[in-house]
Amino acid sequence: MVKLDDLLHDRRMTLTELADRVGLTLANLSILKTGKAKAIRFSTLAAICRELECQPGDLLSYQTD
């Protein structure tokens, strides 16, 4: 599960602002936000965590079906 919406809300940041800060397209970041992404590069994960001042575990969680 991707908790990007919660982190953005907590930091009063828009998805567009985050996309600009990390150098991703809004479309790609939206795919990640909705949980439809199949993979994420470590460099992208690091950039998101840097901008949101969080750890990867704050952004991603594992849930069984």
C-alpha atoms as a PDB file:
ATOM      1  CA  MET A   1       0.000   0.000   0.000  1.00  0.00           C
ATOM      2  CA  VAL A   2       1.296   3.455  -0.900  1.00  0.00           C
ATOM      3  CA  LYS A   3       0.550   6.166   1.672  1.00  0.00           C
ATOM      4  CA  LEU A   4       1.563   9.113  -0.491  1.00  0.00           C
ATOM      5  CA  ASP A   5      -1.792  10.900  -0.120  1.00  0.00           C
ATOM      6  CA  ASP A   6      -1.509  10.903   3.673  1.00  0.00           C
ATOM      7  CA  LEU A   7       2.060  12.203   3.617  1.00  0.00           C
ATOM      8  CA  LEU A   8       1.193  14.957   1.150  1.00  0.00           C
ATOM      9  CA  HIS A   9      -1.805  15.990   3.235  1.00  0.00           C
ATOM     10  CA  ASP A  10       0.230  16.035   6.450  1.00  0.00           C
ATOM     11  CA  ARG A  11       2.842  18.265   4.807  1.00  0.00           C
ATOM     12  CA  ARG A  12       0.309  20.484   3.014  1.00  0.00           C
ATOM     13  CA  MET A  13       1.934  19.708  -0.317  1.00  0.00           C
ATOM     14  CA  THR A  14       0.265  19.012  -3.639  1.00  0.00           C
ATOM     15  CA  LEU A  15       1.114  16.136  -5.933  1.00  0.00           C
ATOM     16  CA  THR A  16       2.102  18.679  -8.578  1.00  0.00           C
ATOM     17  CA  GLU A  17       4.526  20.372  -6.193  1.00  0.00           C
ATOM     18  CA  LEU A  18       6.101  17.043  -5.261  1.00  0.00           C
ATOM     19  CA  ALA A  19       6.396  16.077  -8.933  1.00  0.00           C
ATOM     20  CA  ASP A  20       8.239  19.326  -9.647  1.00  0.00           C
ATOM     21  CA  ARG A  21      10.568  18.881  -6.678  1.00  0.00           C
ATOM     22  CA  VAL A  22      11.577  15.296  -7.521  1.00  0.00           C
ATOM     23  CA  GLY A  23      11.631  15.686 -11.294  1.00  0.00           C
ATOM     24  CA  LEU A  24       8.859  13.231 -12.122  1.00  0.00           C
ATOM     25  CA  THR A  25       5.879  13.700 -14.378  1.00  0.00           C
ATOM     26  CA  LEU A  26       2.564  14.180 -12.646  1.00  0.00           C
ATOM     27  CA  ALA A  27       1.268  11.115 -14.495  1.00  0.00           C
ATOM     28  CA  ASN A  28       4.016   8.854 -13.140  1.00  0.00           C
ATOM     29  CA  LEU A  29       3.588  10.147  -9.618  1.00  0.00           C
ATOM     30  CA  SER A  30      -0.176   9.607  -9.898  1.00  0.00           C
ATOM     31  CA  ILE A  31       0.420   5.978 -10.874  1.00  0.00           C
ATOM     32  CA  LEU A  32       2.526   5.548  -7.759  1.00  0.00           C
ATOM     33  CA  LYS A  33      -0.042   7.325  -5.576  1.00  0.00           C
ATOM     34  CA  THR A  34      -2.886   5.082  -6.715  1.00  0.00           C
ATOM     35  CA  GLY A  35      -0.862   1.946  -6.058  1.00  0.00           C
ATOM     36  CA  LYS A  36      -0.820   0.914  -9.719  1.00  0.00           C
ATOM     37  CA  ALA A  37       2.965   1.135 -10.078  1.00  0.00           C
ATOM     38  CA  LYS A  38       4.711  -2.215 -10.432  1.00  0.00           C
ATOM     39  CA  ALA A  39       8.143  -0.898  -9.438  1.00  0.00           C
ATOM     40  CA  ILE A  40       9.940   2.180  -8.161  1.00  0.00           C
ATOM     41  CA  ARG A  41      13.591   3.091  -8.613  1.00  0.00           C
ATOM     42  CA  PHE A  42      15.612   3.530  -5.448  1.00  0.00           C
ATOM     43  CA  SER A  43      16.645   6.984  -6.662  1.00  0.00           C
ATOM     44  CA  THR A  44      12.981   7.970  -7.060  1.00  0.00           C
ATOM     45  CA  LEU A  45      12.105   6.578  -3.644  1.00  0.00           C
ATOM     46  CA  ALA A  46      15.027   8.463  -2.111  1.00  0.00           C
ATOM     47  CA  ALA A  47      13.999  11.724  -3.795  1.00  0.00           C
ATOM     48  CA  ILE A  48      10.404  11.393  -2.582  1.00  0.00           C
ATOM     49  CA  CYS A  49      11.552  10.597   0.949  1.00  0.00           C
ATOM     50  CA  ARG A  50      13.967  13.547   0.874  1.00  0.00           C
ATOM     51  CA  GLU A  51      11.226  15.989  -0.130  1.00  0.00           C
ATOM     52  CA  LEU A  52       8.634  14.573   2.268  1.00  0.00           C
ATOM     53  CA  GLU A  53      11.194  14.154   5.057  1.00  0.00           C
ATOM     54  CA  CYS A  54      10.170  10.560   5.652  1.00  0.00           C
ATOM     55  CA  GLN A  55      11.505   7.022   5.550  1.00  0.00           C
ATOM     56  CA  PRO A  56      10.518   4.453   2.890  1.00  0.00           C
ATOM     57  CA  GLY A  57       8.444   2.634   5.517  1.00  0.00           C
ATOM     58  CA  ASP A  58       6.398   5.799   6.024  1.00  0.00           C
ATOM     59  CA  LEU A  59       5.530   5.761   2.329  1.00  0.00           C
ATOM     60  CA  LEU A  60       5.099   2.041   1.653  1.00  0.00           C
ATOM     61  CA  SER A  61       3.494  -0.728   3.656  1.00  0.00           C
ATOM     62  CA  TYR A  62       2.810  -4.383   2.962  1.00  0.00           C
ATOM     63  CA  GLN A  63      -0.671  -5.845   3.331  1.00  0.00           C
ATOM     64  CA  THR A  64      -1.728  -9.421   2.748  1.00  0.00           C
ATOM     65  CA  ASP A  65      -4.794 -10.075   0.632  1.00  0.00           C
END
